[in-house]
Amino acid sequence: MESIITYHATEVSPKAVQKRAEELYAGGYFCCEAAVASIRDAFQADVPDSVIAMTSGMSRSGCMCGALNGSILALSMFFGRTTADGPKDPKVNALMALSHELHDWFREANAKHAACCRVLTRGFDMSGGEHKKQCIAFTGLCAGKAAEILCRELGVKNIDPEPIKGLEKPYLPPKKEAV
């Protein structure tokens, strides 16, 4: 597919994108921001920081996982449209197919078979940060898989010998003591 933005990367390691997204989340970004920032930086995309700022309100929305949402936004940053060409527009339909691919992969890869933040974080004390380890992993998974898709669709060399792998078992909230 043809990108609507200029990027300069000729090769990318999706596993490095995964690791960087995890670091950005652990370092203070929210999931959605970390996914977009790690992908933008890895592909050396000529887009301003305001693109990352645009994602700030998506994390902890309580519905769609912010890591998944940010990774879909990153796909859209490259392949979205800027004209109202209706629902039969082949460009937007191709992008929606990529988004669907990422969504379905993530539902299996997170070992909880869900894409809803409320479902994924059920039982975790969000204010106490119990979700953070899980959400850092989800952010890396989504950003890494989106980077694989971008490499394939842009013709950028994926330098990793193995694809991004999902979790073998789900993260579970800590057991609460009965009082």
Foldseek 3Di string as FASTA:
>chain_A
DFWPWDFDAQEFALLVLLVQLLVVCVVDAALLLSLLVSLCVRRRTPDDPVLSVVLRVVDPPQFFHSLLVSLLSNLCNTQNDDDCPDDVPPSVVVSVVVSVVLVQQLLVQQQQNDGGPCSLCPPADVVVPQCSVSSSNSNSLSSSVSNVVCCVVVVRHHPDPDGRGGDPHHDDGDDDDDD
